[in-house]
Amino acid sequence: MRLTETADIWWKNAVVYCLDIETFFDTDGDGRGDIRGLSQRIDHLAELGVTCLWLMPFYPTPDRDDGYDITDFYGVDKRLGTHGDLVELITLAQDRGMRVIADLVVNHTSDQHPWFQSARASRESPYRDWYVWRDEPPENADQGIVFPDQENSLWQYDEQAGQYYLHRFYKHQPDLDITNPEVRDEIIRVIGFWLRLGISGFRVDAVPFLLDTDGALDPEHLPDPHDYLRDLRAFLSRRSGQAVLLGEVNLPYKETRQFFGDEDGDELTMCFDFIGMQKMYLSLARQDPAELVKALRERPAPPEEAQWGTFVRNHDELTLDKLTDDERNEVFAAFGPDENMQLYGRGLRRRLPPMLGNDQRRLKMVYSLLFSLPGTPVLFYGEEIGMGENLDAEGRNAVRTTMQWTDGPTGGFSTADPADLAGLVVQGELSPEHVNVAAQRRDPDSLLNWIKLLIQRYRETPELSWGDCTVLDHESPSVFAHRTECEGGTVVTVHNFADEPATVTLAVAGSGVGVRAVDLLQSNTAEIAEDGTVQLELEPYGCRWFRILRPGDRYIL
């Protein structure tokens, strides 16, 4: 297909990289990463092939929820830097072909936010109605708790206010009343402010909670909350036609599809594929891709200019909440059998390498799968080198350890004492001594160089994100194979989920003489029979990408 067609709708085949500034690189020796540190390491991301940098919250915060408890939506936490530092970072990123998106966390604030401090002080405060209050909590106050190990109700009594306030998350994060027009207008202003500073869009936190009107006294008489999401998207498009809203929507496919805006595609630009991710882990546990295949066949196509976001790991717990109890227990048994590895009874607080026993063959197969699945791949910092977790950290922070640049005691993250770091350092066989950027840059067989290759091939192969995907039938139960086609281009990818060799015969092209399958990851060419089939031998956890070449094609391979 013509690459010029992909330029305006850049998110369809972007490479998104999520990081937390305070755990990425520290320049001033205080043990906390900073914006200037990220700027100094921007070339690592450029060399990797990242095209979109997603920044976790950098706003002023008491830091009781890793920055998601915000006290100023227009500010930059002074421990991380200044607005000037952020603008310089955005400039450096753009110079290297990267857009920058930020977390939009506006379903709640910190209880230390000036709005809430004013709201709790007086019923006459102009901010009182910016939050959701009740004289008595509803009967179902204990239903739908997100963090059952920390909270036992969605409503918290405030002595100063003399009322209960709603909090879908922690009690120190009171919910904003999204039904209040003044709150909606303020959120628009926040979006407009960051767009003006050069941000290219937002990862929208907990979208279903943002649109939830259950806390209102008469929710049945309120306008459709999706109308508000359409308003946000319309404003975003007016201010910046190529900006995106990447939504965190962990719902079944049918419900998630609505957040795109149905066929109009006028709500979220992208939605994370939580269902496909969970089914992928179930398939990995079984060494059988059947559940992933089922999910892909059930996943609805997004609107024409929208996209699914695919991922192996994110910054939260690895949620498995959409699996059945038996399926979840299978994944727990395979990848997190100890109770300390699990969280909230629904997920894992581990990274992929330790879950897979640091088997490089299997790791490389999974990331090959990520970059070849239909959708836009999203990486969490450190995945490119195979970082592990530190289970001594509390809760979800187990996977938010400091970035490992070199083999020093702090992994080259900081010159501070390890005890003074903003995050813990990984210990054991995946510690910086064994896993770091510097060493892997020089190792042609490293995971880092493998992911660089995958990203390069992915960006050269727009069919993977733009094309029509067909799961291929064959005789081997451990092999997942699919074909993507777009405007005459055809790519076939094959992945063996098992620790045993496999042989497959695939129908990859129409009949004809002179058709070849050129391997995009190795220096091989597979012969295609006149009936359009090819037979492949796959090693344990083997993976192959092929471009189908017909006489007259002009690809440079």
Protein backbone atom coordinates (compact mmCIF):
# COMPACT_ATOMS: atom_id res chain seq x y z
CA MET A 1 0.00 0.00 0.00
CA ARG A 2 1.07 3.62 -0.42
CA LEU A 3 2.83 4.85 2.72
CA THR A 4 1.47 8.35 2.15
CA GLU A 5 -1.93 6.99 3.16
CA THR A 6 -0.64 6.20 6.64
CA ALA A 7 0.79 9.63 7.51
CA ASP A 8 -2.33 11.47 8.67
CA ILE A 9 -3.77 8.53 10.59
CA TRP A 10 -0.45 7.88 12.29
CA TRP A 11 -1.86 5.97 15.24
CA LYS A 12 -2.94 3.02 13.06
CA ASN A 13 0.63 1.73 12.83
CA ALA A 14 2.44 3.62 15.59
CA VAL A 15 4.77 2.11 18.18
CA VAL A 16 3.68 3.41 21.59
CA TYR A 17 6.08 3.37 24.55
CA CYS A 18 4.77 3.99 28.08
CA LEU A 19 7.07 5.18 30.85
CA ASP A 20 7.06 6.77 34.28
CA ILE A 21 9.43 9.74 34.33
CA GLU A 22 10.38 9.24 37.98
CA THR A 23 11.72 5.71 37.36
CA PHE A 24 13.38 6.28 33.96
CA PHE A 25 16.59 8.33 34.44
CA ASP A 26 17.77 10.63 37.23
CA THR A 27 20.10 13.54 36.36
CA ASP A 28 20.36 15.40 39.67
CA GLY A 29 21.13 12.51 42.01
CA ASP A 30 18.03 12.81 44.20
CA GLY A 31 16.96 9.23 43.45
CA ARG A 32 13.98 10.28 41.34
CA GLY A 33 13.90 10.35 37.55
CA ASP A 34 13.25 13.69 35.92
CA ILE A 35 12.20 15.20 32.62
CA ARG A 36 15.75 16.23 31.77
CA GLY A 37 16.80 12.63 32.32
CA LEU A 38 14.20 11.41 29.85
CA SER A 39 15.45 14.00 27.38
CA GLN A 40 18.99 12.65 27.77
CA ARG A 41 17.75 9.14 27.00
CA ILE A 42 15.48 10.10 24.11
CA ASP A 43 17.88 8.61 21.57
CA HIS A 44 17.46 5.17 23.12
CA LEU A 45 13.77 5.39 22.23
CA ALA A 46 14.50 6.79 18.78
CA GLU A 47 16.95 3.95 18.03
CA LEU A 48 14.39 1.46 19.27
CA GLY A 49 11.90 2.80 16.74
CA VAL A 50 9.32 4.34 19.08
CA THR A 51 6.95 6.75 17.31
CA CYS A 52 4.71 7.74 20.23
CA LEU A 53 5.82 8.38 23.80
CA TRP A 54 3.12 7.95 26.46
CA LEU A 55 3.99 9.73 29.70
CA MET A 56 2.44 8.49 32.92
CA PRO A 57 1.28 11.36 35.20
CA PHE A 58 3.84 14.12 35.69
CA TYR A 59 1.45 16.49 37.47
CA PRO A 60 1.84 17.79 41.06
CA THR A 61 0.77 15.05 43.47
CA PRO A 62 1.02 13.82 47.07
CA ASP A 63 2.13 10.59 45.36
CA ARG A 64 -0.13 8.23 47.29
CA ASP A 65 -1.09 6.49 44.03
CA ASP A 66 2.06 6.83 41.94
CA GLY A 67 0.99 10.20 40.57
CA TYR A 68 -2.61 9.33 39.73
CA ASP A 69 -3.75 11.46 42.70
CA ILE A 70 -3.41 14.90 41.14
CA THR A 71 -3.48 18.32 42.81
CA ASP A 72 -3.07 20.48 39.68
CA PHE A 73 -4.09 19.36 36.19
CA TYR A 74 -2.19 22.26 34.63
CA GLY A 75 1.08 21.75 36.51
CA VAL A 76 4.33 19.81 36.37
CA ASP A 77 5.54 18.20 39.59
CA LYS A 78 8.56 20.27 40.66
CA ARG A 79 10.41 17.09 41.63
CA LEU A 80 10.34 16.10 37.94
CA GLY A 81 11.02 19.45 36.33
CA THR A 82 9.24 22.44 34.86
CA HIS A 83 6.95 23.31 31.97
CA GLY A 84 10.06 24.47 30.17
CA ASP A 85 11.68 21.06 30.61
CA LEU A 86 8.56 19.40 29.26
CA VAL A 87 8.42 21.62 26.18
CA GLU A 88 12.09 20.86 25.50
CA LEU A 89 11.34 17.14 25.79
CA ILE A 90 8.46 17.42 23.33
CA THR A 91 10.72 19.35 20.93
CA LEU A 92 13.44 16.69 21.15
CA ALA A 93 10.89 13.91 20.61
CA GLN A 94 9.36 15.62 17.58
CA ASP A 95 12.82 16.15 16.13
CA ARG A 96 13.27 12.37 16.26
CA GLY A 97 9.88 11.57 14.76
CA MET A 98 8.08 10.88 18.03
CA ARG A 99 4.79 12.28 19.22
CA VAL A 100 4.11 12.65 22.95
CA ILE A 101 0.82 11.82 24.67
CA ALA A 102 -0.03 12.31 28.34
CA ASP A 103 -2.24 10.59 30.87
CA LEU A 104 -5.62 12.28 31.21
CA VAL A 105 -6.83 11.39 34.73
CA VAL A 106 -9.97 13.46 35.25
CA ASN A 107 -12.49 11.09 36.79
CA HIS A 108 -11.08 12.04 40.22
CA THR A 109 -8.64 14.36 41.98
CA SER A 110 -6.44 14.07 45.04
CA ASP A 111 -8.20 14.99 48.27
CA GLN A 112 -5.43 17.60 48.56
CA HIS A 113 -6.54 19.36 45.36
CA PRO A 114 -7.61 22.98 46.01
CA TRP A 115 -10.98 22.21 44.43
CA PHE A 116 -11.73 19.51 46.98
CA GLN A 117 -10.28 21.51 49.87
CA SER A 118 -12.70 24.29 49.00
CA ALA A 119 -15.59 21.88 48.38
CA ARG A 120 -15.28 20.19 51.77
CA ALA A 121 -14.96 23.49 53.62
CA SER A 122 -18.43 24.83 52.83
CA ARG A 123 -21.66 23.85 51.11
CA GLU A 124 -21.58 27.33 49.62
CA SER A 125 -18.23 26.72 47.91
CA PRO A 126 -18.32 27.10 44.10
CA TYR A 127 -16.54 23.73 43.96
CA ARG A 128 -18.98 21.86 46.20
CA ASP A 129 -20.95 20.55 43.24
CA TRP A 130 -17.80 19.55 41.41
CA TYR A 131 -17.81 16.36 43.51
CA VAL A 132 -20.51 13.78 44.32
CA TRP A 133 -21.95 14.06 47.84
CA ARG A 134 -24.62 12.21 49.81
CA ASP A 135 -25.98 12.61 53.32
CA GLU A 136 -26.07 8.82 53.56
CA PRO A 137 -24.28 6.27 51.38
CA PRO A 138 -26.47 4.12 49.10
CA GLU A 139 -27.24 0.50 50.02
CA ASN A 140 -24.86 -0.81 47.35
CA ALA A 141 -21.89 1.22 48.63
CA ASP A 142 -19.74 -1.91 48.90
CA GLN A 143 -20.30 -3.05 45.30
CA GLY A 144 -17.82 -2.44 42.49
CA ILE A 145 -14.80 -1.73 44.69
CA VAL A 146 -11.69 -1.52 42.50
CA PHE A 147 -9.13 -2.09 45.28
CA PRO A 148 -10.71 -4.60 47.67
CA ASP A 149 -7.50 -4.94 49.70
CA GLN A 150 -7.57 -1.22 50.57
CA GLU A 151 -11.22 -0.13 50.57
CA ASN A 152 -14.53 -1.52 51.81
CA SER A 153 -16.88 1.15 50.42
CA LEU A 154 -17.18 3.54 47.49
CA TRP A 155 -18.34 6.29 49.84
CA GLN A 156 -16.26 8.04 52.49
CA TYR A 157 -17.56 10.28 55.26
CA ASP A 158 -15.78 13.63 55.48
CA GLU A 159 -15.92 15.22 58.93
CA GLN A 160 -15.31 18.72 57.64
CA ALA A 161 -17.96 18.50 54.92
CA GLY A 162 -20.48 16.62 57.04
CA GLN A 163 -21.34 14.38 54.07
CA TYR A 164 -20.17 11.28 52.24
CA TYR A 165 -18.29 11.65 48.95
CA LEU A 166 -17.97 9.11 46.12
CA HIS A 167 -14.60 7.54 45.31
CA ARG A 168 -14.43 4.76 42.74
CA PHE A 169 -10.77 4.23 43.57
CA TYR A 170 -8.98 5.10 46.83
CA LYS A 171 -10.66 7.21 49.50
CA HIS A 172 -8.01 9.87 49.00
CA GLN A 173 -9.22 10.25 45.37
CA PRO A 174 -12.71 11.83 45.44
CA ASP A 175 -14.63 11.51 42.18
CA LEU A 176 -15.45 14.57 40.13
CA ASP A 177 -19.10 14.97 39.14
CA ILE A 178 -18.84 14.52 35.40
CA THR A 179 -22.52 15.49 35.01
CA ASN A 180 -21.69 19.04 36.13
CA PRO A 181 -21.28 21.32 33.08
CA GLU A 182 -18.63 23.35 34.91
CA VAL A 183 -16.53 20.23 35.44
CA ARG A 184 -16.88 19.31 31.78
CA ASP A 185 -15.82 22.78 30.72
CA GLU A 186 -12.77 22.58 32.99
CA ILE A 187 -11.71 19.26 31.49
CA ILE A 188 -11.94 20.84 28.03
CA ARG A 189 -9.66 23.64 29.22
CA VAL A 190 -7.15 21.12 30.58
CA ILE A 191 -7.07 19.33 27.22
CA GLY A 192 -6.68 22.61 25.35
CA PHE A 193 -3.82 23.70 27.60
CA TRP A 194 -1.68 20.62 27.01
CA LEU A 195 -2.43 20.56 23.29
CA ARG A 196 -1.10 24.10 23.08
CA LEU A 197 2.15 22.97 24.74
CA GLY A 198 2.65 20.34 22.04
CA ILE A 199 1.02 17.18 23.42
CA SER A 200 -0.37 14.98 20.62
CA GLY A 201 -3.21 13.43 22.58
CA PHE A 202 -4.07 11.58 25.73
CA ARG A 203 -4.29 8.13 27.20
CA VAL A 204 -7.64 8.46 28.98
CA ASP A 205 -7.65 6.76 32.37
CA ALA A 206 -10.54 4.50 33.39
CA VAL A 207 -12.95 5.70 30.68
CA PRO A 208 -16.04 3.79 31.90
CA PHE A 209 -15.66 5.43 35.32
CA LEU A 210 -15.25 8.83 33.67
CA LEU A 211 -18.65 8.38 32.02
CA ASP A 212 -20.31 6.68 34.99
CA THR A 213 -23.30 8.67 36.26
CA ASP A 214 -24.49 6.17 38.87
CA GLY A 215 -23.42 8.50 41.67
CA ALA A 216 -25.91 11.12 40.53
CA LEU A 217 -29.25 11.32 42.33
CA ASP A 218 -31.25 10.96 39.08
CA PRO A 219 -28.95 9.30 36.52
CA GLU A 220 -31.85 8.09 34.40
CA HIS A 221 -32.71 11.70 33.54
CA LEU A 222 -29.21 12.70 32.50
CA PRO A 223 -28.00 12.97 28.89
CA ASP A 224 -26.20 10.03 27.31
CA PRO A 225 -22.65 10.08 28.78
CA HIS A 226 -21.28 9.01 25.39
CA ASP A 227 -22.40 12.40 24.10
CA TYR A 228 -19.81 13.92 26.42
CA LEU A 229 -17.09 11.67 25.00
CA ARG A 230 -18.12 12.83 21.53
CA ASP A 231 -17.81 16.42 22.71
CA LEU A 232 -14.28 15.76 23.99
CA ARG A 233 -13.28 14.15 20.69
CA ALA A 234 -14.82 16.97 18.67
CA PHE A 235 -12.94 19.57 20.70
CA LEU A 236 -9.70 17.61 20.35
CA SER A 237 -10.15 17.38 16.60
CA ARG A 238 -10.87 21.10 16.28
CA ARG A 239 -7.76 22.04 18.23
CA SER A 240 -5.47 19.38 16.74
CA GLY A 241 -6.74 17.26 13.88
CA GLN A 242 -4.14 14.52 14.38
CA ALA A 243 -4.39 14.23 18.18
CA VAL A 244 -5.65 10.99 19.71
CA LEU A 245 -7.67 9.69 22.63
CA LEU A 246 -6.35 6.26 23.65
CA GLY A 247 -8.88 4.79 26.06
CA GLU A 248 -8.51 2.37 28.95
CA VAL A 249 -11.74 0.41 28.53
CA ASN A 250 -11.62 -3.03 30.13
CA LEU A 251 -15.04 -4.33 29.07
CA PRO A 252 -16.32 -7.14 26.85
CA TYR A 253 -15.82 -6.51 23.15
CA LYS A 254 -19.42 -5.51 22.41
CA GLU A 255 -19.39 -2.84 25.11
CA THR A 256 -15.87 -1.63 24.32
CA ARG A 257 -16.82 -1.20 20.67
CA GLN A 258 -19.35 1.46 21.71
CA PHE A 259 -16.55 3.63 23.08
CA PHE A 260 -15.17 4.06 19.56
CA GLY A 261 -18.45 5.80 18.74
CA ASP A 262 -19.96 2.86 16.86
CA GLU A 263 -19.70 3.30 13.10
CA ASP A 264 -19.19 7.06 13.27
CA GLY A 265 -15.86 6.64 15.05
CA ASP A 266 -16.42 9.95 16.83
CA GLU A 267 -15.44 9.00 20.39
CA LEU A 268 -12.15 7.29 21.32
CA THR A 269 -9.51 7.07 18.62
CA MET A 270 -8.07 3.86 20.10
CA CYS A 271 -9.07 1.30 22.74
CA PHE A 272 -6.81 -1.20 24.45
CA ASP A 273 -7.61 -4.84 23.63
CA PHE A 274 -7.88 -6.22 27.15
CA ILE A 275 -9.80 -9.30 26.04
CA GLY A 276 -7.19 -10.31 23.46
CA MET A 277 -4.41 -9.79 26.01
CA GLN A 278 -6.07 -12.04 28.58
CA LYS A 279 -6.81 -14.74 26.04
CA MET A 280 -3.20 -14.56 24.86
CA TYR A 281 -1.97 -15.41 28.36
CA LEU A 282 -4.43 -18.29 28.58
CA SER A 283 -3.12 -19.55 25.24
CA LEU A 284 0.49 -19.21 26.45
CA ALA A 285 -0.34 -21.16 29.60
CA ARG A 286 -1.89 -23.96 27.52
CA GLN A 287 0.73 -23.78 24.74
CA ASP A 288 -2.26 -23.73 22.42
CA PRO A 289 -3.36 -20.58 20.53
CA ALA A 290 -7.03 -21.61 20.29
CA GLU A 291 -8.30 -19.05 22.82
CA LEU A 292 -6.39 -16.21 21.17
CA VAL A 293 -7.76 -17.28 17.80
CA LYS A 294 -11.27 -17.27 19.25
CA ALA A 295 -10.78 -13.75 20.63
CA LEU A 296 -9.49 -12.41 17.31
CA ARG A 297 -12.43 -13.88 15.46
CA GLU A 298 -14.85 -12.35 17.98
CA ARG A 299 -13.15 -8.96 18.15
CA PRO A 300 -15.21 -6.40 16.24
CA ALA A 301 -13.47 -4.32 13.62
CA PRO A 302 -12.91 -0.74 14.75
CA PRO A 303 -14.26 2.17 12.71
CA GLU A 304 -12.19 2.87 9.61
CA GLU A 305 -9.84 5.43 11.18
CA ALA A 306 -9.82 3.94 14.70
CA GLN A 307 -7.58 1.19 16.06
CA TRP A 308 -7.17 -1.43 18.76
CA GLY A 309 -4.14 -1.07 21.05
CA THR A 310 -2.39 -4.40 21.64
CA PHE A 311 -0.06 -5.07 24.53
CA VAL A 312 1.76 -7.74 26.51
CA ARG A 313 2.16 -5.74 29.71
CA ASN A 314 0.99 -2.41 31.10
CA HIS A 315 1.72 -0.33 34.19
CA ASP A 316 -1.04 -1.86 36.33
CA GLU A 317 -1.64 -5.39 37.48
CA LEU A 318 -1.90 -7.90 34.64
CA THR A 319 -5.65 -8.17 34.90
CA LEU A 320 -7.31 -11.50 34.14
CA ASP A 321 -10.77 -10.42 35.23
CA LYS A 322 -12.52 -11.38 31.98
CA LEU A 323 -11.41 -15.02 32.21
CA THR A 324 -13.51 -17.60 34.04
CA ASP A 325 -12.37 -18.67 37.51
CA ASP A 326 -10.97 -21.92 36.11
CA GLU A 327 -9.17 -20.15 33.26
CA ARG A 328 -7.71 -17.56 35.62
CA ASN A 329 -6.45 -20.31 37.89
CA GLU A 330 -4.74 -21.94 34.90
CA VAL A 331 -2.85 -18.72 34.21
CA PHE A 332 -2.04 -18.29 37.90
CA ALA A 333 -0.69 -21.85 38.08
CA ALA A 334 1.48 -21.34 34.99
CA PHE A 335 2.80 -17.83 35.60
CA GLY A 336 2.13 -16.76 39.19
CA PRO A 337 1.52 -19.69 41.53
CA ASP A 338 2.56 -17.86 44.71
CA GLU A 339 -0.05 -15.68 46.39
CA ASN A 340 2.50 -12.86 46.57
CA MET A 341 2.61 -12.83 42.76
CA GLN A 342 -1.15 -12.23 42.51
CA LEU A 343 -3.20 -9.12 43.14
CA TYR A 344 -6.86 -8.55 44.08
CA GLY A 345 -7.61 -12.16 43.19
CA ARG A 346 -7.92 -11.11 39.56
CA GLY A 347 -4.43 -10.45 38.21
CA LEU A 348 -0.67 -10.79 38.38
CA ARG A 349 1.95 -8.27 39.48
CA ARG A 350 4.70 -9.78 37.38
CA ARG A 351 6.49 -8.96 34.14
CA LEU A 352 6.72 -11.41 31.26
CA PRO A 353 10.37 -12.65 31.51
CA PRO A 354 10.09 -14.20 34.99
CA MET A 355 6.67 -15.61 34.09
CA LEU A 356 8.29 -17.44 31.18
CA GLY A 357 11.36 -18.53 33.15
CA ASN A 358 13.40 -15.99 31.15
CA ASP A 359 13.26 -18.39 28.18
CA GLN A 360 14.56 -16.14 25.39
CA ARG A 361 13.02 -18.28 22.66
CA ARG A 362 9.58 -17.90 24.17
CA LEU A 363 10.04 -14.20 24.95
CA LYS A 364 11.04 -13.45 21.38
CA MET A 365 8.06 -15.41 20.08
CA VAL A 366 5.61 -13.42 22.27
CA TYR A 367 6.97 -10.07 21.12
CA SER A 368 6.93 -11.24 17.52
CA LEU A 369 3.27 -12.04 18.12
CA LEU A 370 2.64 -8.58 19.60
CA PHE A 371 4.04 -6.75 16.59
CA SER A 372 2.27 -8.94 14.05
CA LEU A 373 -1.23 -8.98 15.56
CA PRO A 374 -3.73 -6.58 13.97
CA GLY A 375 -3.57 -3.39 16.03
CA THR A 376 -1.08 -0.85 17.35
CA PRO A 377 1.55 -2.30 19.73
CA VAL A 378 2.11 -0.63 23.11
CA LEU A 379 5.30 -1.30 25.09
CA PHE A 380 5.87 -0.67 28.80
CA TYR A 381 9.32 0.67 29.62
CA GLY A 382 11.94 -2.03 30.14
CA GLU A 383 10.12 -4.61 28.04
CA GLU A 384 12.65 -4.08 25.28
CA ILE A 385 15.42 -5.55 27.46
CA GLY A 386 13.36 -8.11 29.39
CA MET A 387 13.17 -6.45 32.79
CA GLY A 388 11.59 -8.34 35.67
CA GLU A 389 9.64 -7.25 38.73
CA ASN A 390 10.48 -6.77 42.40
CA LEU A 391 7.83 -8.43 44.55
CA ASP A 392 9.07 -6.58 47.62
CA ALA A 393 7.33 -3.47 46.26
CA GLU A 394 3.75 -2.85 47.28
CA GLY A 395 0.95 -3.87 44.93
CA ARG A 396 1.24 -2.74 41.34
CA ASN A 397 4.55 -1.02 42.04
CA ALA A 398 6.23 -4.42 41.69
CA VAL A 399 6.46 -3.81 37.92
CA ARG A 400 7.31 -0.10 38.23
CA THR A 401 10.96 -0.61 39.11
CA THR A 402 13.79 1.67 38.00
CA MET A 403 15.01 1.41 34.41
CA GLN A 404 18.16 -0.69 33.93
CA TRP A 405 20.72 1.16 31.80
CA THR A 406 24.00 -0.38 33.00
CA ASP A 407 25.21 -3.08 35.38
CA GLY A 408 25.82 -0.78 38.39
CA PRO A 409 24.06 -1.08 41.76
CA THR A 410 21.22 1.20 40.63
CA GLY A 411 21.35 0.02 37.04
CA GLY A 412 22.74 3.37 35.94
CA PHE A 413 19.40 4.97 36.82
CA SER A 414 20.78 7.30 39.50
CA THR A 415 23.90 8.22 41.45
CA ALA A 416 21.87 8.20 44.68
CA ASP A 417 22.09 5.48 47.29
CA PRO A 418 19.86 2.52 46.29
CA ALA A 419 17.86 3.04 49.49
CA ASP A 420 16.88 6.54 48.31
CA LEU A 421 15.47 5.63 44.88
CA ALA A 422 11.91 6.44 43.82
CA GLY A 423 11.42 2.78 42.89
CA LEU A 424 13.00 -0.49 43.86
CA VAL A 425 15.70 -2.17 41.78
CA VAL A 426 15.10 -5.65 40.37
CA GLN A 427 17.07 -8.36 42.17
CA GLY A 428 18.25 -11.85 41.18
CA GLU A 429 18.86 -13.20 37.69
CA LEU A 430 17.05 -10.25 36.06
CA SER A 431 18.90 -7.57 38.06
CA PRO A 432 20.87 -4.82 36.25
CA GLU A 433 24.00 -6.97 36.55
CA HIS A 434 22.42 -9.42 34.11
CA VAL A 435 19.85 -7.31 32.22
CA ASN A 436 20.68 -3.79 31.01
CA VAL A 437 20.61 -1.62 27.91
CA ALA A 438 24.37 -1.16 27.57
CA ALA A 439 25.13 -4.88 27.38
CA GLN A 440 22.26 -5.70 25.05
CA ARG A 441 23.14 -2.96 22.58
CA ARG A 442 26.38 -4.85 21.87
CA ASP A 443 24.80 -8.31 21.71
CA PRO A 444 23.33 -9.06 18.26
CA ASP A 445 21.25 -11.88 19.75
CA SER A 446 19.79 -9.81 22.59
CA LEU A 447 16.11 -9.17 23.18
CA LEU A 448 16.75 -5.46 22.61
CA ASN A 449 18.08 -6.03 19.11
CA TRP A 450 15.30 -8.50 18.38
CA ILE A 451 12.65 -5.92 19.28
CA LYS A 452 14.46 -3.28 17.22
CA LEU A 453 14.22 -5.65 14.25
CA LEU A 454 10.54 -6.36 14.93
CA ILE A 455 9.75 -2.65 15.09
CA GLN A 456 11.65 -1.96 11.88
CA ARG A 457 9.83 -4.74 10.02
CA TYR A 458 6.49 -3.74 11.54
CA ARG A 459 6.91 -0.15 10.34
CA GLU A 460 7.91 -1.43 6.88
CA THR A 461 4.84 -3.65 6.76
CA PRO A 462 1.70 -1.49 6.99
CA GLU A 463 -0.49 -4.46 6.06
CA LEU A 464 -0.15 -5.68 9.65
CA SER A 465 -2.11 -2.71 11.00
CA TRP A 466 -4.11 -1.60 7.98
CA GLY A 467 -4.91 -4.90 6.31
CA ASP A 468 -7.69 -7.46 6.59
CA CYS A 469 -6.68 -10.29 8.91
CA THR A 470 -7.48 -13.94 8.21
CA VAL A 471 -6.59 -16.68 10.71
CA LEU A 472 -5.28 -19.63 8.70
CA ASP A 473 -6.48 -23.18 9.31
CA HIS A 474 -3.92 -25.98 9.41
CA GLU A 475 -3.09 -29.32 11.04
CA SER A 476 -0.88 -28.24 13.96
CA PRO A 477 -2.73 -27.32 17.21
CA SER A 478 0.23 -25.44 18.70
CA VAL A 479 0.69 -23.03 15.79
CA PHE A 480 -1.02 -19.69 15.26
CA ALA A 481 -0.88 -18.44 11.68
CA HIS A 482 -2.57 -15.46 10.11
CA ARG A 483 -2.52 -13.59 6.84
CA THR A 484 -3.03 -9.83 6.41
CA GLU A 485 -3.78 -8.26 3.06
CA CYS A 486 -4.07 -4.66 1.94
CA GLU A 487 -4.16 -3.18 -1.55
CA GLY A 488 -2.37 -6.12 -3.13
CA GLY A 489 0.18 -6.65 -0.37
CA THR A 490 0.14 -9.91 1.58
CA VAL A 491 2.01 -10.82 4.76
CA VAL A 492 1.82 -14.14 6.60
CA THR A 493 3.06 -14.64 10.17
CA VAL A 494 3.42 -17.95 11.99
CA HIS A 495 4.01 -18.60 15.72
CA ASN A 496 4.58 -21.88 17.55
CA PHE A 497 3.22 -21.71 21.11
CA ALA A 498 4.72 -25.07 22.15
CA ASP A 499 8.12 -26.27 23.33
CA GLU A 500 8.09 -28.94 20.61
CA PRO A 501 8.86 -28.55 16.88
CA ALA A 502 5.88 -28.24 14.56
CA THR A 503 5.20 -28.66 10.85
CA VAL A 504 2.39 -26.78 9.12
CA THR A 505 1.03 -26.52 5.60
CA LEU A 506 -0.58 -23.15 4.91
CA ALA A 507 -2.61 -21.69 2.09
CA VAL A 508 -0.84 -18.36 1.75
CA ALA A 509 -1.54 -17.22 -1.81
CA GLY A 510 -3.61 -17.91 -4.87
CA SER A 511 -2.43 -20.39 -7.44
CA GLY A 512 0.33 -19.36 -9.78
CA VAL A 513 3.92 -19.88 -10.87
CA GLY A 514 6.78 -17.79 -9.55
CA VAL A 515 5.17 -16.81 -6.24
CA ARG A 516 7.63 -16.70 -3.33
CA ALA A 517 7.48 -16.22 0.43
CA VAL A 518 10.40 -14.06 1.59
CA ASP A 519 11.22 -14.26 5.29
CA LEU A 520 11.28 -10.79 6.88
CA LEU A 521 13.09 -11.87 10.07
CA GLN A 522 15.65 -14.28 8.64
CA SER A 523 17.58 -14.67 5.39
CA ASN A 524 15.32 -17.35 4.00
CA THR A 525 12.85 -17.82 1.19
CA ALA A 526 10.11 -20.46 1.29
CA GLU A 527 8.94 -22.10 -1.90
CA ILE A 528 5.23 -21.81 -2.60
CA ALA A 529 3.59 -24.62 -4.52
CA GLU A 530 1.53 -23.89 -7.62
CA ASP A 531 -1.64 -24.40 -5.56
CA GLY A 532 -0.61 -21.52 -3.27
CA THR A 533 0.44 -23.60 -0.26
CA VAL A 534 3.69 -23.62 1.67
CA GLN A 535 5.06 -26.15 4.16
CA LEU A 536 7.00 -24.78 7.13
CA GLU A 537 9.15 -26.35 9.82
CA LEU A 538 9.02 -24.43 13.09
CA GLU A 539 11.37 -24.80 16.03
CA PRO A 540 10.04 -24.85 19.58
CA TYR A 541 8.58 -21.35 20.14
CA GLY A 542 9.58 -20.53 16.58
CA CYS A 543 8.18 -17.55 14.68
CA ARG A 544 8.34 -16.44 11.04
CA TRP A 545 7.11 -13.44 9.07
CA PHE A 546 6.75 -13.78 5.29
CA ARG A 547 5.97 -11.31 2.56
CA ILE A 548 4.31 -12.98 -0.40
CA LEU A 549 6.05 -11.86 -3.59
CA ARG A 550 4.47 -12.21 -7.00
CA PRO A 551 6.17 -11.67 -10.34
CA GLY A 552 6.43 -7.94 -10.95
CA ASP A 553 6.36 -6.87 -7.28
CA ARG A 554 8.88 -4.12 -6.52
CA TYR A 555 9.55 -4.52 -2.79
CA ILE A 556 13.14 -4.14 -1.56
CA LEU A 557 13.74 -7.16 0.65
